[in-house]
Every structure is written in structure tokens, then in C-alpha cells.
Amino acid sequence: MATYENSKQLAYPLTKMNFLVTVDGVQGTAAFSEVTGIEATVDVIEFRQGNANSLAPVKIPGLVKHGNVTLKLGYTLDSAFKTWIQECVSETRGEIPRNNVQIEMIDINGGAPQQIATSITGTRVWVLSNAWVTKYNAPDLDAKTSDVAIESVELAYEELIIPN
């Protein structure tokens, strides 16, 4: 384990159970239970000139592609986030509202959080640029269980920014 420079305290890795998701331009909060699919992949382009000494191609970076991010949240009745979902997936719409989505992993190495996080404050952040809702799944309904109703939202985005 690594140690902090000025102390003998161990630096434990961050746990993935506490995080905050905010959407620029969307007031209010939505509490998410799971975020998956943050990724970036660079295409590999193989190129070889006809007069090259080597028979092996040179590999150069191509387009950067991003998979969709899935957010799972407990069903709530009042949320501006739901309005954004509706604006994106409605059959009658104008321009699709694109927003930056920020996902922060919250450091709880100092102990359990004393209050609910309502704004991005740390440096462990992923920003999804120009994101919009591409898929919505309503919760499964089953009268024989007492499970929490979980909705699923899939976001497409143009650029992944990792400012830390």
C-alpha cells in the first residue's frame, strides 16, 4: 500500500459505492444506484507505404469512440432529470437537449459521509460532453415482491473528459 507523504497513514484505494452524478442545466437531483459503461476506445489504422523496407504496417491512432453509459436509479415522482429524459425520448420533439454529465467518485477513506453530496467537489471526475438520453427502461413491476423500482437510462455522448 502507498502511504501519504507527510504521514504514516495508509492510502487505501477508493471504493466505488459512493458517487455523485450531476447534469448541467438540469436543476434538482436524481439519486443513482449504478453507473456503468464509461469507456473510450481508439481505432487502430494500419498503414504501409509501397516502398517501405519493412513488410509490417505502421499502426497509427484513428477515431476515438465511446460506448453508451447506463445509469440506474430508484423511481421517484418529482425530478427535473425525468423532464430531461422525456425531452430526449419523446416522439414529438424539437432539438434533442444535450448536456454535460459529471460523474464523481466520492472519497470516503476518512469515514462515512456526514451529509449528502449535492455538488461536484473532488478531482475524481468523469465528464460526458454533449450527452443525451438514447434509451429509457421503466422498472419491472411485480406485485409479489417488495423490491425497489429501478429505472435505467442509457446516455450517448461525444467526448469523455477526465480532468483529474
C-alpha atoms as a PDB file:
ATOM      1  CA  MET A   1       0.000   0.000   0.000  1.00  0.00           C
ATOM      2  CA  ALA A   2       1.126   3.523  -0.710  1.00  0.00           C
ATOM      3  CA  THR A   3       1.464   5.997   2.128  1.00  0.00           C
ATOM      4  CA  TYR A   4       0.779   9.714   2.264  1.00  0.00           C
ATOM      5  CA  GLU A   5       3.943  11.820   2.033  1.00  0.00           C
ATOM      6  CA  ASN A   6       3.580  13.632   5.361  1.00  0.00           C
ATOM      7  CA  SER A   7       2.057  10.905   7.479  1.00  0.00           C
ATOM      8  CA  LYS A   8       2.246   7.233   8.332  1.00  0.00           C
ATOM      9  CA  GLN A   9      -1.405   6.713   7.331  1.00  0.00           C
ATOM     10  CA  LEU A  10      -2.049   4.133   4.591  1.00  0.00           C
ATOM     11  CA  ALA A  11      -3.605   5.366   1.338  1.00  0.00           C
ATOM     12  CA  TYR A  12      -6.377   2.888   0.601  1.00  0.00           C
ATOM     13  CA  PRO A  13      -7.885   2.651  -2.881  1.00  0.00           C
ATOM     14  CA  LEU A  14     -11.230   4.344  -3.394  1.00  0.00           C
ATOM     15  CA  THR A  15     -14.396   2.294  -3.100  1.00  0.00           C
ATOM     16  CA  LYS A  16     -16.947   2.539  -5.883  1.00  0.00           C
ATOM     17  CA  MET A  17     -20.029   2.655  -3.679  1.00  0.00           C
ATOM     18  CA  ASN A  18     -20.267   6.456  -3.197  1.00  0.00           C
ATOM     19  CA  PHE A  19     -20.605   8.668  -6.235  1.00  0.00           C
ATOM     20  CA  LEU A  20     -22.490  11.714  -7.465  1.00  0.00           C
ATOM     21  CA  VAL A  21     -23.961  12.368 -10.913  1.00  0.00           C
ATOM     22  CA  THR A  22     -24.917  15.890 -11.991  1.00  0.00           C
ATOM     23  CA  VAL A  23     -26.318  17.107 -15.312  1.00  0.00           C
ATOM     24  CA  ASP A  24     -25.550  20.656 -16.440  1.00  0.00           C
ATOM     25  CA  GLY A  25     -28.712  22.655 -16.999  1.00  0.00           C
ATOM     26  CA  VAL A  26     -30.920  20.191 -15.097  1.00  0.00           C
ATOM     27  CA  GLN A  27     -31.996  21.505 -11.713  1.00  0.00           C
ATOM     28  CA  GLY A  28     -32.765  19.134  -8.886  1.00  0.00           C
ATOM     29  CA  THR A  29     -31.155  15.827  -8.091  1.00  0.00           C
ATOM     30  CA  ALA A  30     -31.607  12.232  -9.080  1.00  0.00           C
ATOM     31  CA  ALA A  31     -30.053   9.505  -6.940  1.00  0.00           C
ATOM     32  CA  PHE A  32     -28.397   6.726  -8.920  1.00  0.00           C
ATOM     33  CA  SER A  33     -27.629   3.248  -7.664  1.00  0.00           C
ATOM     34  CA  GLU A  34     -25.320   2.249 -10.515  1.00  0.00           C
ATOM     35  CA  VAL A  35     -23.276   3.822 -13.330  1.00  0.00           C
ATOM     36  CA  THR A  36     -21.690   1.547 -15.962  1.00  0.00           C
ATOM     37  CA  GLY A  37     -20.043   1.838 -19.356  1.00  0.00           C
ATOM     38  CA  ILE A  38     -17.701   4.826 -19.118  1.00  0.00           C
ATOM     39  CA  GLU A  39     -15.159   3.999 -21.794  1.00  0.00           C
ATOM     40  CA  ALA A  40     -13.118   5.329 -24.697  1.00  0.00           C
ATOM     41  CA  THR A  41     -11.561   3.263 -27.494  1.00  0.00           C
ATOM     42  CA  VAL A  42      -9.109   4.447 -30.148  1.00  0.00           C
ATOM     43  CA  ASP A  43      -9.366   2.741 -33.535  1.00  0.00           C
ATOM     44  CA  VAL A  44      -6.081   1.393 -34.897  1.00  0.00           C
ATOM     45  CA  ILE A  45      -5.307   2.215 -38.526  1.00  0.00           C
ATOM     46  CA  GLU A  46      -2.701   0.041 -40.219  1.00  0.00           C
ATOM     47  CA  PHE A  47      -0.778   1.761 -42.979  1.00  0.00           C
ATOM     48  CA  ARG A  48       2.116   0.671 -45.138  1.00  0.00           C
ATOM     49  CA  GLN A  49       3.784   2.614 -47.916  1.00  0.00           C
ATOM     50  CA  GLY A  50       4.504   0.647 -51.069  1.00  0.00           C
ATOM     51  CA  ASN A  51       8.226   1.392 -50.956  1.00  0.00           C
ATOM     52  CA  ALA A  52       8.709   0.662 -47.222  1.00  0.00           C
ATOM     53  CA  ASN A  53      11.666  -1.517 -46.203  1.00  0.00           C
ATOM     54  CA  SER A  54       9.517  -3.421 -43.715  1.00  0.00           C
ATOM     55  CA  LEU A  55       6.681  -5.752 -44.659  1.00  0.00           C
ATOM     56  CA  ALA A  56       4.883  -4.873 -41.413  1.00  0.00           C
ATOM     57  CA  PRO A  57       2.406  -1.980 -41.440  1.00  0.00           C
ATOM     58  CA  VAL A  58       2.753   1.095 -39.256  1.00  0.00           C
ATOM     59  CA  LYS A  59      -0.044   1.462 -36.720  1.00  0.00           C
ATOM     60  CA  ILE A  60      -1.469   4.947 -36.210  1.00  0.00           C
ATOM     61  CA  PRO A  61      -4.335   6.151 -33.992  1.00  0.00           C
ATOM     62  CA  GLY A  62      -7.704   6.661 -35.645  1.00  0.00           C
ATOM     63  CA  LEU A  63     -11.097   7.818 -34.431  1.00  0.00           C
ATOM     64  CA  VAL A  64     -11.934   7.785 -30.726  1.00  0.00           C
ATOM     65  CA  LYS A  65     -15.213   6.017 -29.960  1.00  0.00           C
ATOM     66  CA  HIS A  66     -17.292   5.983 -26.800  1.00  0.00           C
ATOM     67  CA  GLY A  67     -19.754   3.380 -25.628  1.00  0.00           C
ATOM     68  CA  ASN A  68     -23.034   4.390 -24.054  1.00  0.00           C
ATOM     69  CA  VAL A  69     -23.218   4.937 -20.302  1.00  0.00           C
ATOM     70  CA  THR A  70     -26.025   3.300 -18.328  1.00  0.00           C
ATOM     71  CA  LEU A  71     -27.444   4.963 -15.214  1.00  0.00           C
ATOM     72  CA  LYS A  72     -29.771   3.074 -12.862  1.00  0.00           C
ATOM     73  CA  LEU A  73     -31.944   4.995 -10.441  1.00  0.00           C
ATOM     74  CA  GLY A  74     -34.727   4.337  -7.986  1.00  0.00           C
ATOM     75  CA  TYR A  75     -38.089   5.525  -9.310  1.00  0.00           C
ATOM     76  CA  THR A  76     -39.028   8.933  -7.916  1.00  0.00           C
ATOM     77  CA  LEU A  77     -42.058  11.096  -8.596  1.00  0.00           C
ATOM     78  CA  ASP A  78     -40.506  14.588  -8.713  1.00  0.00           C
ATOM     79  CA  SER A  79     -37.340  15.218 -10.653  1.00  0.00           C
ATOM     80  CA  ALA A  80     -36.083  17.616 -13.311  1.00  0.00           C
ATOM     81  CA  PHE A  81     -33.963  14.703 -14.518  1.00  0.00           C
ATOM     82  CA  LYS A  82     -37.175  12.935 -15.593  1.00  0.00           C
ATOM     83  CA  THR A  83     -38.110  16.006 -17.653  1.00  0.00           C
ATOM     84  CA  TRP A  84     -34.767  15.799 -19.471  1.00  0.00           C
ATOM     85  CA  ILE A  85     -35.383  12.088 -20.169  1.00  0.00           C
ATOM     86  CA  GLN A  86     -38.842  12.885 -21.533  1.00  0.00           C
ATOM     87  CA  GLU A  87     -37.475  15.660 -23.776  1.00  0.00           C
ATOM     88  CA  CYS A  88     -34.908  13.241 -25.261  1.00  0.00           C
ATOM     89  CA  VAL A  89     -37.108  10.191 -25.863  1.00  0.00           C
ATOM     90  CA  SER A  90     -40.412  11.881 -26.737  1.00  0.00           C
ATOM     91  CA  GLU A  91     -41.914  11.068 -30.124  1.00  0.00           C
ATOM     92  CA  THR A  92     -42.714  14.769 -30.630  1.00  0.00           C
ATOM     93  CA  ARG A  93     -39.650  16.833 -30.001  1.00  0.00           C
ATOM     94  CA  GLY A  94     -37.558  19.598 -31.351  1.00  0.00           C
ATOM     95  CA  GLU A  95     -33.823  19.676 -30.926  1.00  0.00           C
ATOM     96  CA  ILE A  96     -32.511  16.984 -28.578  1.00  0.00           C
ATOM     97  CA  PRO A  97     -31.251  18.675 -25.402  1.00  0.00           C
ATOM     98  CA  ARG A  98     -27.568  17.819 -24.969  1.00  0.00           C
ATOM     99  CA  ASN A  99     -25.928  18.427 -21.615  1.00  0.00           C
ATOM    100  CA  ASN A 100     -22.626  17.738 -19.935  1.00  0.00           C
ATOM    101  CA  VAL A 101     -22.912  14.978 -17.337  1.00  0.00           C
ATOM    102  CA  GLN A 102     -20.403  14.866 -14.492  1.00  0.00           C
ATOM    103  CA  ILE A 103     -19.747  11.689 -12.525  1.00  0.00           C
ATOM    104  CA  GLU A 104     -17.660  11.996  -9.364  1.00  0.00           C
ATOM    105  CA  MET A 105     -16.326   9.172  -7.222  1.00  0.00           C
ATOM    106  CA  ILE A 106     -16.516  10.366  -3.614  1.00  0.00           C
ATOM    107  CA  ASP A 107     -13.559   9.619  -1.337  1.00  0.00           C
ATOM    108  CA  ILE A 108     -14.871   8.123   1.924  1.00  0.00           C
ATOM    109  CA  ASN A 109     -11.484   6.968   3.251  1.00  0.00           C
ATOM    110  CA  GLY A 110     -11.931   9.415   6.129  1.00  0.00           C
ATOM    111  CA  GLY A 111     -15.111   7.633   7.223  1.00  0.00           C
ATOM    112  CA  ALA A 112     -18.770   7.628   6.286  1.00  0.00           C
ATOM    113  CA  PRO A 113     -20.033  10.876   4.717  1.00  0.00           C
ATOM    114  CA  GLN A 114     -21.660  13.180   7.245  1.00  0.00           C
ATOM    115  CA  GLN A 115     -24.060  14.716   4.725  1.00  0.00           C
ATOM    116  CA  ILE A 116     -25.456  14.012   1.276  1.00  0.00           C
ATOM    117  CA  ALA A 117     -23.240  15.313  -1.536  1.00  0.00           C
ATOM    118  CA  THR A 118     -25.098  17.800  -3.744  1.00  0.00           C
ATOM    119  CA  SER A 119     -22.281  19.239  -5.875  1.00  0.00           C
ATOM    120  CA  ILE A 120     -19.075  18.089  -7.541  1.00  0.00           C
ATOM    121  CA  THR A 121     -16.169  18.952  -5.243  1.00  0.00           C
ATOM    122  CA  GLY A 122     -13.413  16.421  -5.820  1.00  0.00           C
ATOM    123  CA  THR A 123     -10.915  15.604  -8.513  1.00  0.00           C
ATOM    124  CA  ARG A 124     -12.034  12.055  -9.331  1.00  0.00           C
ATOM    125  CA  VAL A 125     -14.446  13.126 -12.042  1.00  0.00           C
ATOM    126  CA  TRP A 126     -15.503  11.938 -15.496  1.00  0.00           C
ATOM    127  CA  VAL A 127     -17.315  14.426 -17.734  1.00  0.00           C
ATOM    128  CA  LEU A 128     -19.505  13.183 -20.575  1.00  0.00           C
ATOM    129  CA  SER A 129     -19.639  16.018 -23.097  1.00  0.00           C
ATOM    130  CA  ASN A 130     -22.856  16.704 -25.065  1.00  0.00           C
ATOM    131  CA  ALA A 131     -24.710  13.748 -23.564  1.00  0.00           C
ATOM    132  CA  TRP A 132     -28.309  12.876 -24.343  1.00  0.00           C
ATOM    133  CA  VAL A 133     -30.683  10.075 -23.408  1.00  0.00           C
ATOM    134  CA  THR A 134     -30.768   7.394 -26.082  1.00  0.00           C
ATOM    135  CA  LYS A 135     -32.689   4.699 -24.182  1.00  0.00           C
ATOM    136  CA  TYR A 136     -35.064   4.530 -21.231  1.00  0.00           C
ATOM    137  CA  ASN A 137     -36.224   1.382 -19.413  1.00  0.00           C
ATOM    138  CA  ALA A 138     -39.118   1.580 -16.962  1.00  0.00           C
ATOM    139  CA  PRO A 139     -38.949  -0.536 -13.798  1.00  0.00           C
ATOM    140  CA  ASP A 140     -40.180  -4.113 -13.872  1.00  0.00           C
ATOM    141  CA  LEU A 141     -43.461  -4.401 -11.996  1.00  0.00           C
ATOM    142  CA  ASP A 142     -44.191  -7.448  -9.842  1.00  0.00           C
ATOM    143  CA  ALA A 143     -46.865  -7.487  -7.126  1.00  0.00           C
ATOM    144  CA  LYS A 144     -45.213 -10.488  -5.409  1.00  0.00           C
ATOM    145  CA  THR A 145     -42.007  -8.656  -4.405  1.00  0.00           C
ATOM    146  CA  SER A 146     -41.097  -5.620  -2.368  1.00  0.00           C
ATOM    147  CA  ASP A 147     -38.025  -4.674  -4.432  1.00  0.00           C
ATOM    148  CA  VAL A 148     -37.252  -1.050  -5.189  1.00  0.00           C
ATOM    149  CA  ALA A 149     -38.484   0.056  -8.609  1.00  0.00           C
ATOM    150  CA  ILE A 150     -35.312   0.682 -10.643  1.00  0.00           C
ATOM    151  CA  GLU A 151     -35.322   2.690 -13.871  1.00  0.00           C
ATOM    152  CA  SER A 152     -32.495   2.526 -16.388  1.00  0.00           C
ATOM    153  CA  VAL A 153     -31.296   5.338 -18.651  1.00  0.00           C
ATOM    154  CA  GLU A 154     -28.687   4.986 -21.378  1.00  0.00           C
ATOM    155  CA  LEU A 155     -26.696   8.061 -22.414  1.00  0.00           C
ATOM    156  CA  ALA A 156     -24.825   8.658 -25.658  1.00  0.00           C
ATOM    157  CA  TYR A 157     -22.073  11.285 -25.550  1.00  0.00           C
ATOM    158  CA  GLU A 158     -19.475  12.819 -27.836  1.00  0.00           C
ATOM    159  CA  GLU A 159     -16.374  13.222 -25.704  1.00  0.00           C
ATOM    160  CA  LEU A 160     -15.010  11.840 -22.435  1.00  0.00           C
ATOM    161  CA  ILE A 161     -13.113  14.382 -20.352  1.00  0.00           C
ATOM    162  CA  ILE A 162     -11.103  13.169 -17.365  1.00  0.00           C
ATOM    163  CA  PRO A 163      -9.951  16.382 -15.653  1.00  0.00           C
ATOM    164  CA  ASN A 164      -8.104  14.698 -12.785  1.00  0.00           C
END
